[in-house]
């Protein structure tokens, strides 16, 4: 059974998603009912909702929306990674409010849509540092060319548990292994980072990709982080840019069929359950 550490649910009547207008292929609702049906068919047992970069005014509304879905009967959702703005002076107050919401397991600020200098500011690093030695995890969502900047952030907050989303967003389409590979090797040397194998098929050539196209990126991430520091995520519905959720699950199972049973259990669910306390 799989633990999906990265599913997005979209309800355009309930929340605002400003970025969707620029991505017509994803500008639609992604309902929990549809996702739950896929979970039952594909062997996804538990899931964490990943924030969907809603409008800033809707960040906490999104968290409450996910709580409603979690409270439904037989829900696969066991927690949420909430949107945040560490660049804002009011982040400490925001964090205090989340402490009363036990379903919040961590936070994310999408960094590939902002100026590169944002994560270097004192305010940003100080606020992310407030997660030090807590149960909260901070997901890093950045492009491959931004990974050196992410290393600076990680080094500035050595006691924060980080998760690197999407294998660091490599350029799968052009098979561009370098300098991505060197950056992943360096990041993996930092013990407070976990690598997330999520939705890599979205970075290939649309639907025209093969297992051999994505294999080197996934294998290098797994080899450098090791079997105890990698987790799986669907990145649904973004993964549909490269095929269906079922396609990504099938590719995952094929890529990991040769590892030991213990390593497979750790990657499929054990590591995630430990890291997010689920």
Protein backbone atom coordinates (compact mmCIF):
# COMPACT_ATOMS: atom_id res chain seq x y z
CA UNK A 1 0.00 0.00 0.00
CA UNK A 2 1.16 3.54 -0.78
CA UNK A 3 1.29 6.65 1.38
CA UNK A 4 0.73 9.62 -0.92
CA UNK A 5 2.61 12.57 0.57
CA UNK A 6 1.61 15.02 -2.14
CA UNK A 7 -1.97 15.30 -3.44
CA UNK A 8 -3.61 18.56 -4.49
CA UNK A 9 -7.37 19.00 -4.27
CA UNK A 10 -8.94 21.90 -6.15
CA UNK A 11 -12.38 23.44 -5.57
CA UNK A 12 -12.68 26.65 -7.57
CA UNK A 13 -16.05 27.50 -6.06
CA UNK A 14 -14.60 27.38 -2.57
CA UNK A 15 -11.11 28.86 -2.99
CA UNK A 16 -9.15 31.12 -5.33
CA UNK A 17 -6.20 29.73 -7.32
CA UNK A 18 -4.73 32.69 -9.25
CA UNK A 19 -2.08 30.65 -11.07
CA UNK A 20 -4.53 28.20 -12.67
CA UNK A 21 -5.57 30.65 -15.39
CA UNK A 22 -2.06 30.35 -16.84
CA UNK A 23 -2.17 26.53 -16.91
CA UNK A 24 -5.27 25.59 -18.93
CA UNK A 25 -4.54 21.85 -18.67
CA UNK A 26 -4.98 22.04 -14.90
CA UNK A 27 -7.65 24.72 -14.69
CA UNK A 28 -10.38 22.42 -13.44
CA UNK A 29 -11.63 21.03 -10.15
CA UNK A 30 -9.77 18.06 -8.66
CA UNK A 31 -12.28 16.58 -6.25
CA UNK A 32 -11.72 14.35 -3.27
CA UNK A 33 -14.36 11.91 -4.56
CA UNK A 34 -12.40 11.37 -7.77
CA UNK A 35 -9.12 11.03 -5.91
CA UNK A 36 -10.59 8.60 -3.34
CA UNK A 37 -11.84 6.38 -6.13
CA UNK A 38 -8.32 6.27 -7.56
CA UNK A 39 -6.92 5.47 -4.12
CA UNK A 40 -9.18 2.45 -3.74
CA UNK A 41 -8.23 1.17 -7.19
CA UNK A 42 -4.49 1.84 -6.99
CA UNK A 43 -3.63 0.86 -3.43
CA UNK A 44 -3.13 4.31 -1.91
CA UNK A 45 -3.98 3.89 1.76
CA UNK A 46 -3.07 7.24 3.35
CA UNK A 47 -2.59 10.73 1.94
CA UNK A 48 -1.31 14.17 2.87
CA UNK A 49 -2.86 17.15 1.16
CA UNK A 50 -0.31 19.55 -0.29
CA UNK A 51 -1.30 23.21 -0.45
CA UNK A 52 -2.18 24.40 -3.96
CA UNK A 53 -0.76 27.94 -3.84
CA UNK A 54 -4.16 29.48 -3.24
CA UNK A 55 -4.53 33.24 -2.95
CA UNK A 56 -2.90 34.46 0.26
CA UNK A 57 -6.25 35.39 1.80
CA UNK A 58 -7.40 31.78 1.36
CA UNK A 59 -4.45 30.00 2.95
CA UNK A 60 -6.17 29.20 6.22
CA UNK A 61 -9.48 28.61 4.47
CA UNK A 62 -7.77 25.87 2.50
CA UNK A 63 -6.62 24.20 5.71
CA UNK A 64 -10.15 24.24 7.10
CA UNK A 65 -11.50 22.83 3.83
CA UNK A 66 -9.10 19.90 4.08
CA UNK A 67 -10.15 19.29 7.69
CA UNK A 68 -13.76 18.95 6.50
CA UNK A 69 -12.65 16.32 3.97
CA UNK A 70 -10.62 14.51 6.62
CA UNK A 71 -13.68 14.28 8.85
CA UNK A 72 -15.65 12.45 6.16
CA UNK A 73 -16.26 8.74 6.51
CA UNK A 74 -13.38 6.49 5.45
CA UNK A 75 -11.22 9.45 4.42
CA UNK A 76 -7.76 8.65 3.08
CA UNK A 77 -6.49 12.05 4.21
CA UNK A 78 -4.44 11.99 7.41
CA UNK A 79 -3.05 15.52 7.39
CA UNK A 80 -2.21 18.64 5.44
CA UNK A 81 0.84 20.63 4.42
CA UNK A 82 -0.34 24.23 4.72
CA UNK A 83 0.56 27.25 2.63
CA UNK A 84 2.61 29.92 4.37
CA UNK A 85 4.43 33.20 3.79
CA UNK A 86 7.68 33.19 5.82
CA UNK A 87 8.61 36.48 4.17
CA UNK A 88 5.87 38.25 6.15
CA UNK A 89 6.35 39.72 9.60
CA UNK A 90 3.09 38.13 10.77
CA UNK A 91 4.35 34.58 10.18
CA UNK A 92 4.94 33.90 13.93
CA UNK A 93 1.29 34.74 14.68
CA UNK A 94 0.19 32.57 11.75
CA UNK A 95 2.30 29.69 13.07
CA UNK A 96 0.79 30.06 16.53
CA UNK A 97 -2.69 29.68 15.07
CA UNK A 98 -1.72 26.47 13.29
CA UNK A 99 -0.57 24.93 16.57
CA UNK A 100 -4.23 24.56 17.53
CA UNK A 101 -4.85 22.54 14.33
CA UNK A 102 -3.28 19.11 14.85
CA UNK A 103 -3.99 17.99 11.30
CA UNK A 104 -1.39 20.50 10.01
CA UNK A 105 1.76 18.44 9.54
CA UNK A 106 3.98 21.02 7.87
CA UNK A 107 4.25 24.03 5.59
CA UNK A 108 5.25 25.02 2.09
CA UNK A 109 6.02 28.23 0.27
CA UNK A 110 6.32 27.72 -3.50
CA UNK A 111 9.65 29.33 -4.38
CA UNK A 112 9.88 29.01 -8.14
CA UNK A 113 7.25 31.75 -8.56
CA UNK A 114 9.05 34.41 -6.50
CA UNK A 115 12.31 36.34 -6.70
CA UNK A 116 15.36 34.24 -5.94
CA UNK A 117 16.41 36.63 -3.19
CA UNK A 118 13.27 35.99 -1.13
CA UNK A 119 14.62 32.87 0.58
CA UNK A 120 17.84 34.74 1.42
CA UNK A 121 16.17 37.47 3.45
CA UNK A 122 16.64 37.54 7.22
CA UNK A 123 12.88 37.52 7.79
CA UNK A 124 12.32 34.44 5.66
CA UNK A 125 15.12 32.41 7.24
CA UNK A 126 14.27 33.47 10.77
CA UNK A 127 10.65 32.48 10.29
CA UNK A 128 11.45 29.11 8.71
CA UNK A 129 13.82 28.60 11.63
CA UNK A 130 10.84 28.76 13.98
CA UNK A 131 10.07 25.22 12.81
CA UNK A 132 13.32 23.97 14.37
CA UNK A 133 12.98 20.93 16.63
CA UNK A 134 9.21 20.76 16.13
CA UNK A 135 7.05 18.10 14.50
CA UNK A 136 6.51 20.41 11.51
CA UNK A 137 8.14 19.71 8.15
CA UNK A 138 8.96 22.35 5.52
CA UNK A 139 8.55 21.30 1.89
CA UNK A 140 10.88 22.88 -0.65
CA UNK A 141 9.36 23.45 -4.08
CA UNK A 142 12.00 24.97 -6.34
CA UNK A 143 13.44 24.48 -9.81
CA UNK A 144 16.66 22.58 -10.45
CA UNK A 145 18.54 25.83 -11.14
CA UNK A 146 17.49 27.14 -7.71
CA UNK A 147 18.86 24.19 -5.74
CA UNK A 148 22.08 26.03 -4.71
CA UNK A 149 19.81 28.69 -3.12
CA UNK A 150 17.90 25.95 -1.34
CA UNK A 151 21.13 24.62 0.13
CA UNK A 152 21.73 28.03 1.63
CA UNK A 153 18.29 27.96 3.24
CA UNK A 154 18.81 24.44 4.57
CA UNK A 155 22.19 25.38 6.04
CA UNK A 156 20.66 28.46 7.68
CA UNK A 157 18.06 26.24 9.41
CA UNK A 158 19.93 23.05 10.37
CA UNK A 159 17.34 21.95 12.92
CA UNK A 160 14.36 22.13 10.54
CA UNK A 161 13.17 18.97 8.80
CA UNK A 162 13.03 19.72 5.06
CA UNK A 163 11.51 17.70 2.23
CA UNK A 164 12.69 18.30 -1.33
CA UNK A 165 9.66 18.03 -3.63
CA UNK A 166 9.65 16.42 -7.06
CA UNK A 167 13.30 15.24 -7.01
CA UNK A 168 14.26 18.92 -7.20
CA UNK A 169 12.26 19.46 -10.43
CA UNK A 170 14.79 18.11 -12.96
CA UNK A 171 14.62 18.81 -16.70
CA UNK A 172 13.46 15.34 -17.72
CA UNK A 173 12.34 16.46 -21.16
CA UNK A 174 15.88 17.36 -22.24
CA UNK A 175 17.56 14.60 -20.15
CA UNK A 176 19.56 17.32 -18.38
CA UNK A 177 21.29 15.42 -15.60
CA UNK A 178 23.86 18.09 -14.83
CA UNK A 179 24.12 20.26 -12.81
CA UNK A 180 20.97 18.76 -11.25
CA UNK A 181 22.77 15.55 -10.27
CA UNK A 182 25.59 17.38 -8.48
CA UNK A 183 23.09 19.54 -6.61
CA UNK A 184 21.09 16.52 -5.43
CA UNK A 185 24.28 14.82 -4.26
CA UNK A 186 25.16 17.89 -2.23
CA UNK A 187 21.69 18.37 -0.75
CA UNK A 188 21.50 14.72 0.26
CA UNK A 189 24.61 15.18 2.40
CA UNK A 190 22.53 17.34 4.71
CA UNK A 191 20.87 14.96 7.19
CA UNK A 192 17.83 17.19 7.79
CA UNK A 193 16.53 16.75 4.21
CA UNK A 194 14.32 14.03 2.74
CA UNK A 195 13.92 13.46 -0.99
CA UNK A 196 10.40 13.19 -2.38
CA UNK A 197 9.82 11.12 -5.53
CA UNK A 198 6.69 12.89 -6.72
CA UNK A 199 5.14 13.42 -10.12
CA UNK A 200 8.40 13.34 -12.09
CA UNK A 201 6.43 12.35 -15.21
CA UNK A 202 5.09 15.92 -15.37
CA UNK A 203 8.56 17.15 -16.35
CA UNK A 204 8.95 14.93 -19.39
CA UNK A 205 7.76 15.48 -22.94
CA UNK A 206 4.04 15.45 -22.25
CA UNK A 207 2.71 11.92 -22.72
CA UNK A 208 5.72 10.92 -24.81
CA UNK A 209 8.13 9.51 -22.21
CA UNK A 210 9.43 6.12 -21.13
CA UNK A 211 10.62 4.54 -17.90
CA UNK A 212 14.18 4.96 -19.12
CA UNK A 213 13.62 8.73 -19.39
CA UNK A 214 12.71 9.14 -15.72
CA UNK A 215 14.78 6.29 -14.28
CA UNK A 216 18.13 8.14 -13.90
CA UNK A 217 16.52 10.99 -11.97
CA UNK A 218 14.65 8.72 -9.60
CA UNK A 219 17.55 6.31 -9.11
CA UNK A 220 20.03 9.08 -8.36
CA UNK A 221 17.67 10.65 -5.81
CA UNK A 222 17.18 7.30 -4.10
CA UNK A 223 20.88 6.39 -4.14
CA UNK A 224 22.02 9.69 -2.67
CA UNK A 225 19.37 10.04 0.03
CA UNK A 226 19.32 6.35 0.92
CA UNK A 227 16.38 4.05 1.67
CA UNK A 228 15.41 5.77 4.94
CA UNK A 229 15.17 9.29 3.48
CA UNK A 230 12.95 8.99 0.42
CA UNK A 231 9.16 9.21 0.22
CA UNK A 232 6.59 8.91 -2.54
CA UNK A 233 3.98 11.38 -3.74
CA UNK A 234 1.51 11.44 -6.59
CA UNK A 235 1.50 15.19 -7.27
CA UNK A 236 -2.04 14.61 -8.52
CA UNK A 237 -3.45 16.25 -10.59
CA UNK A 238 -0.21 17.88 -11.81
CA UNK A 239 1.11 14.43 -12.69
CA UNK A 240 -1.63 14.18 -15.32
CA UNK A 241 0.49 16.47 -17.52
CA UNK A 242 2.49 13.30 -18.13
CA UNK A 243 -0.30 10.72 -17.87
CA UNK A 244 -2.92 9.56 -15.42
CA UNK A 245 -2.39 8.93 -11.72
CA UNK A 246 -2.64 5.22 -12.55
CA UNK A 247 0.22 5.63 -15.05
CA UNK A 248 2.46 7.21 -12.40
CA UNK A 249 1.62 4.52 -9.82
CA UNK A 250 2.36 1.80 -12.37
CA UNK A 251 5.67 3.42 -13.29
CA UNK A 252 6.59 3.67 -9.60
CA UNK A 253 5.90 -0.01 -8.97
CA UNK A 254 7.95 -1.02 -12.02
CA UNK A 255 10.89 1.16 -11.04
CA UNK A 256 10.98 -0.24 -7.50
CA UNK A 257 10.20 -3.89 -8.19
CA UNK A 258 13.89 -4.80 -7.90
CA UNK A 259 14.56 -3.37 -4.44
CA UNK A 260 14.28 -5.39 -1.25
CA UNK A 261 10.90 -5.84 0.43
CA UNK A 262 12.04 -3.77 3.43
CA UNK A 263 13.22 -0.90 1.24
CA UNK A 264 10.00 -0.97 -0.73
CA UNK A 265 7.88 -0.77 2.43
CA UNK A 266 10.01 2.11 3.72
CA UNK A 267 9.66 4.05 0.47
CA UNK A 268 5.99 3.26 -0.13
CA UNK A 269 4.78 4.22 3.34
CA UNK A 270 7.09 3.60 6.32
CA UNK A 271 9.31 6.67 5.93
CA UNK A 272 6.32 8.97 5.46
CA UNK A 273 4.51 7.60 8.49
CA UNK A 274 7.64 8.23 10.58
CA UNK A 275 8.44 11.70 9.24
CA UNK A 276 4.90 13.07 9.46
CA UNK A 277 3.90 11.09 12.57
CA UNK A 278 0.93 9.43 10.91
